[in-house]
Amino acid sequence: MAETNPAPLVRRAADIEYEAVELADGLEKGVLLGDDQQTPNFNMRRFVLEPGARVPRHTNEVEHEQYVLEGEYVVGIGEVTYSVSAGDSLLIPAGVEHWYHNESDEQGSFLCLVPKAADDITILE
């Protein structure tokens, strides 16, 4: 775990590097705040779902709190499917199946906060 009293920090958007996520074509992740910034309790990431992107049904060992920044896309959480758009918030408890599909012609993106803990992803499809 990181130090308990990190220095205050502002990161600029231009300093965030995005990388493709192997889990799905058309999915990218940028770590906004994480281990390199000595965050003590949570990591903050931004995910981008390109048009047509499909993230398969999977589980994580840690909870996810998400905030939709842009676009409209479909999220399955457990047995329920939701259409989400900018301004919506999601709680995905640890161990709950979830998936994403951007059926629109425009990019979608969301912030995702997770606790700093081991997180194994299990693909279910």
C-alpha atoms as a PDB file:
ATOM      1  CA  MET A   1       0.000   0.000   0.000  1.00  0.00           C
ATOM      2  CA  ALA A   2       1.154   3.578  -0.644  1.00  0.00           C
ATOM      3  CA  GLU A   3       2.269   5.968   2.046  1.00  0.00           C
ATOM      4  CA  THR A   4      -0.525   7.251   4.276  1.00  0.00           C
ATOM      5  CA  ASN A   5       0.243  10.976   3.907  1.00  0.00           C
ATOM      6  CA  PRO A   6       0.868  11.663   0.216  1.00  0.00           C
ATOM      7  CA  ALA A   7       1.561  15.181  -1.024  1.00  0.00           C
ATOM      8  CA  PRO A   8      -1.302  17.038  -2.742  1.00  0.00           C
ATOM      9  CA  LEU A   9      -1.199  16.629  -6.503  1.00  0.00           C
ATOM     10  CA  VAL A  10      -2.858  17.941  -9.651  1.00  0.00           C
ATOM     11  CA  ARG A  11      -2.446  15.885 -12.826  1.00  0.00           C
ATOM     12  CA  ARG A  12      -3.210  17.495 -16.159  1.00  0.00           C
ATOM     13  CA  ALA A  13      -5.268  15.701 -18.808  1.00  0.00           C
ATOM     14  CA  ALA A  14      -2.358  15.948 -21.253  1.00  0.00           C
ATOM     15  CA  ASP A  15      -0.203  13.913 -18.844  1.00  0.00           C
ATOM     16  CA  ILE A  16      -2.494  10.858 -18.826  1.00  0.00           C
ATOM     17  CA  GLU A  17      -1.427   7.979 -21.049  1.00  0.00           C
ATOM     18  CA  TYR A  18      -4.088   5.605 -22.373  1.00  0.00           C
ATOM     19  CA  GLU A  19      -3.509   1.983 -23.280  1.00  0.00           C
ATOM     20  CA  ALA A  20      -5.614  -0.675 -24.929  1.00  0.00           C
ATOM     21  CA  VAL A  21      -7.205  -3.139 -22.514  1.00  0.00           C
ATOM     22  CA  GLU A  22      -6.758  -6.773 -23.570  1.00  0.00           C
ATOM     23  CA  LEU A  23     -10.194  -7.668 -22.226  1.00  0.00           C
ATOM     24  CA  ALA A  24     -11.979  -6.097 -25.213  1.00  0.00           C
ATOM     25  CA  ASP A  25     -11.395  -4.485 -28.597  1.00  0.00           C
ATOM     26  CA  GLY A  26     -12.185  -0.775 -28.511  1.00  0.00           C
ATOM     27  CA  LEU A  27     -11.573  -0.378 -24.757  1.00  0.00           C
ATOM     28  CA  GLU A  28      -8.827   1.929 -23.450  1.00  0.00           C
ATOM     29  CA  LYS A  29      -7.758   2.796 -19.906  1.00  0.00           C
ATOM     30  CA  GLY A  30      -5.921   5.765 -18.462  1.00  0.00           C
ATOM     31  CA  VAL A  31      -4.840   5.747 -14.814  1.00  0.00           C
ATOM     32  CA  LEU A  32      -5.651   9.227 -13.523  1.00  0.00           C
ATOM     33  CA  LEU A  33      -4.457   8.597  -9.968  1.00  0.00           C
ATOM     34  CA  GLY A  34      -2.844   5.395  -8.759  1.00  0.00           C
ATOM     35  CA  ASP A  35       0.311   3.818  -7.389  1.00  0.00           C
ATOM     36  CA  ASP A  36       2.635   6.171  -9.287  1.00  0.00           C
ATOM     37  CA  GLN A  37       0.914   9.101  -7.566  1.00  0.00           C
ATOM     38  CA  GLN A  38       1.070   7.371  -4.159  1.00  0.00           C
ATOM     39  CA  THR A  39      -2.705   7.203  -3.663  1.00  0.00           C
ATOM     40  CA  PRO A  40      -3.327   5.697  -0.207  1.00  0.00           C
ATOM     41  CA  ASN A  41      -6.742   4.027  -0.611  1.00  0.00           C
ATOM     42  CA  PHE A  42      -8.188   4.149  -4.147  1.00  0.00           C
ATOM     43  CA  ASN A  43      -7.171   4.166  -7.794  1.00  0.00           C
ATOM     44  CA  MET A  44      -9.020   6.433 -10.224  1.00  0.00           C
ATOM     45  CA  ARG A  45      -9.117   5.386 -13.867  1.00  0.00           C
ATOM     46  CA  ARG A  46     -10.858   6.640 -17.007  1.00  0.00           C
ATOM     47  CA  PHE A  47     -12.105   4.073 -19.489  1.00  0.00           C
ATOM     48  CA  VAL A  48     -13.032   4.860 -23.088  1.00  0.00           C
ATOM     49  CA  LEU A  49     -15.491   2.662 -25.009  1.00  0.00           C
ATOM     50  CA  GLU A  50     -15.152   3.216 -28.742  1.00  0.00           C
ATOM     51  CA  PRO A  51     -18.286   2.762 -30.905  1.00  0.00           C
ATOM     52  CA  GLY A  52     -19.063  -0.953 -31.138  1.00  0.00           C
ATOM     53  CA  ALA A  53     -16.849  -1.897 -28.178  1.00  0.00           C
ATOM     54  CA  ARG A  54     -17.973  -4.974 -26.240  1.00  0.00           C
ATOM     55  CA  VAL A  55     -16.548  -5.859 -22.846  1.00  0.00           C
ATOM     56  CA  PRO A  56     -17.379  -9.500 -22.035  1.00  0.00           C
ATOM     57  CA  ARG A  57     -19.277 -10.656 -18.968  1.00  0.00           C
ATOM     58  CA  HIS A  58     -16.789 -10.820 -16.098  1.00  0.00           C
ATOM     59  CA  THR A  59     -16.318 -10.413 -12.359  1.00  0.00           C
ATOM     60  CA  ASN A  60     -13.778  -8.533 -10.286  1.00  0.00           C
ATOM     61  CA  GLU A  61     -12.698  -9.208  -6.717  1.00  0.00           C
ATOM     62  CA  VAL A  62     -13.093  -5.540  -5.784  1.00  0.00           C
ATOM     63  CA  GLU A  63     -16.048  -3.169  -5.977  1.00  0.00           C
ATOM     64  CA  HIS A  64     -16.248  -0.511  -8.695  1.00  0.00           C
ATOM     65  CA  GLU A  65     -17.777   2.927  -8.419  1.00  0.00           C
ATOM     66  CA  GLN A  66     -18.297   4.486 -11.839  1.00  0.00           C
ATOM     67  CA  TYR A  67     -19.418   7.832 -13.206  1.00  0.00           C
ATOM     68  CA  VAL A  68     -20.393   8.162 -16.871  1.00  0.00           C
ATOM     69  CA  LEU A  69     -18.590  11.119 -18.452  1.00  0.00           C
ATOM     70  CA  GLU A  70     -19.828  10.970 -22.042  1.00  0.00           C
ATOM     71  CA  GLY A  71     -21.831   8.960 -24.525  1.00  0.00           C
ATOM     72  CA  GLU A  72     -24.542   6.369 -24.098  1.00  0.00           C
ATOM     73  CA  TYR A  73     -23.893   2.664 -23.710  1.00  0.00           C
ATOM     74  CA  VAL A  74     -25.396  -0.479 -22.213  1.00  0.00           C
ATOM     75  CA  VAL A  75     -24.168  -2.085 -18.985  1.00  0.00           C
ATOM     76  CA  GLY A  76     -25.254  -5.432 -17.616  1.00  0.00           C
ATOM     77  CA  ILE A  77     -24.930  -5.771 -13.846  1.00  0.00           C
ATOM     78  CA  GLY A  78     -26.015  -9.123 -12.504  1.00  0.00           C
ATOM     79  CA  GLU A  79     -29.210 -10.045 -14.354  1.00  0.00           C
ATOM     80  CA  VAL A  80     -30.267  -6.453 -15.128  1.00  0.00           C
ATOM     81  CA  THR A  81     -29.353  -4.428 -18.229  1.00  0.00           C
ATOM     82  CA  TYR A  82     -29.120  -0.636 -17.992  1.00  0.00           C
ATOM     83  CA  SER A  83     -28.785   2.094 -20.615  1.00  0.00           C
ATOM     84  CA  VAL A  84     -26.489   4.725 -19.134  1.00  0.00           C
ATOM     85  CA  SER A  85     -25.440   8.193 -20.223  1.00  0.00           C
ATOM     86  CA  ALA A  86     -23.409  11.179 -19.023  1.00  0.00           C
ATOM     87  CA  GLY A  87     -24.057  11.984 -15.377  1.00  0.00           C
ATOM     88  CA  ASP A  88     -25.153   8.484 -14.345  1.00  0.00           C
ATOM     89  CA  SER A  89     -23.399   6.693 -11.461  1.00  0.00           C
ATOM     90  CA  LEU A  90     -22.984   2.942 -10.995  1.00  0.00           C
ATOM     91  CA  LEU A  91     -22.050   0.701  -8.092  1.00  0.00           C
ATOM     92  CA  ILE A  92     -20.784  -2.728  -9.094  1.00  0.00           C
ATOM     93  CA  PRO A  93     -20.201  -4.761  -5.910  1.00  0.00           C
ATOM     94  CA  ALA A  94     -17.242  -7.138  -5.717  1.00  0.00           C
ATOM     95  CA  GLY A  95     -17.940 -10.495  -7.349  1.00  0.00           C
ATOM     96  CA  VAL A  96     -21.011  -9.331  -9.333  1.00  0.00           C
ATOM     97  CA  GLU A  97     -21.070 -10.183 -13.049  1.00  0.00           C
ATOM     98  CA  HIS A  98     -21.024  -7.189 -15.373  1.00  0.00           C
ATOM     99  CA  TRP A  99     -20.426  -6.301 -19.024  1.00  0.00           C
ATOM    100  CA  TYR A 100     -20.510  -3.287 -21.369  1.00  0.00           C
ATOM    101  CA  HIS A 101     -21.562  -2.669 -24.963  1.00  0.00           C
ATOM    102  CA  ASN A 102     -21.331   0.639 -26.785  1.00  0.00           C
ATOM    103  CA  GLU A 103     -24.030   0.260 -29.449  1.00  0.00           C
ATOM    104  CA  SER A 104     -23.868   3.935 -30.452  1.00  0.00           C
ATOM    105  CA  ASP A 105     -21.826   5.704 -33.121  1.00  0.00           C
ATOM    106  CA  GLU A 106     -20.123   7.877 -30.513  1.00  0.00           C
ATOM    107  CA  GLN A 107     -17.451   7.244 -27.924  1.00  0.00           C
ATOM    108  CA  GLY A 108     -18.474   6.584 -24.333  1.00  0.00           C
ATOM    109  CA  SER A 109     -16.284   7.084 -21.297  1.00  0.00           C
ATOM    110  CA  PHE A 110     -16.472   6.710 -17.545  1.00  0.00           C
ATOM    111  CA  LEU A 111     -14.491   7.256 -14.383  1.00  0.00           C
ATOM    112  CA  CYS A 112     -13.906   4.120 -12.341  1.00  0.00           C
ATOM    113  CA  LEU A 113     -12.744   4.163  -8.737  1.00  0.00           C
ATOM    114  CA  VAL A 114     -11.532   0.966  -7.104  1.00  0.00           C
ATOM    115  CA  PRO A 115      -9.979   0.220  -3.732  1.00  0.00           C
ATOM    116  CA  LYS A 116      -6.287  -0.603  -3.646  1.00  0.00           C
ATOM    117  CA  ALA A 117      -6.450  -4.371  -3.313  1.00  0.00           C
ATOM    118  CA  ALA A 118      -5.659  -7.460  -5.356  1.00  0.00           C
ATOM    119  CA  ASP A 119      -8.198  -7.734  -8.171  1.00  0.00           C
ATOM    120  CA  ASP A 120      -8.419 -10.865 -10.266  1.00  0.00           C
ATOM    121  CA  ILE A 121     -10.725 -10.626 -13.282  1.00  0.00           C
ATOM    122  CA  THR A 122     -12.690 -13.741 -14.200  1.00  0.00           C
ATOM    123  CA  ILE A 123     -14.080 -13.834 -17.765  1.00  0.00           C
ATOM    124  CA  LEU A 124     -17.447 -15.627 -17.864  1.00  0.00           C
ATOM    125  CA  GLU A 125     -18.104 -15.874 -21.615  1.00  0.00           C
END
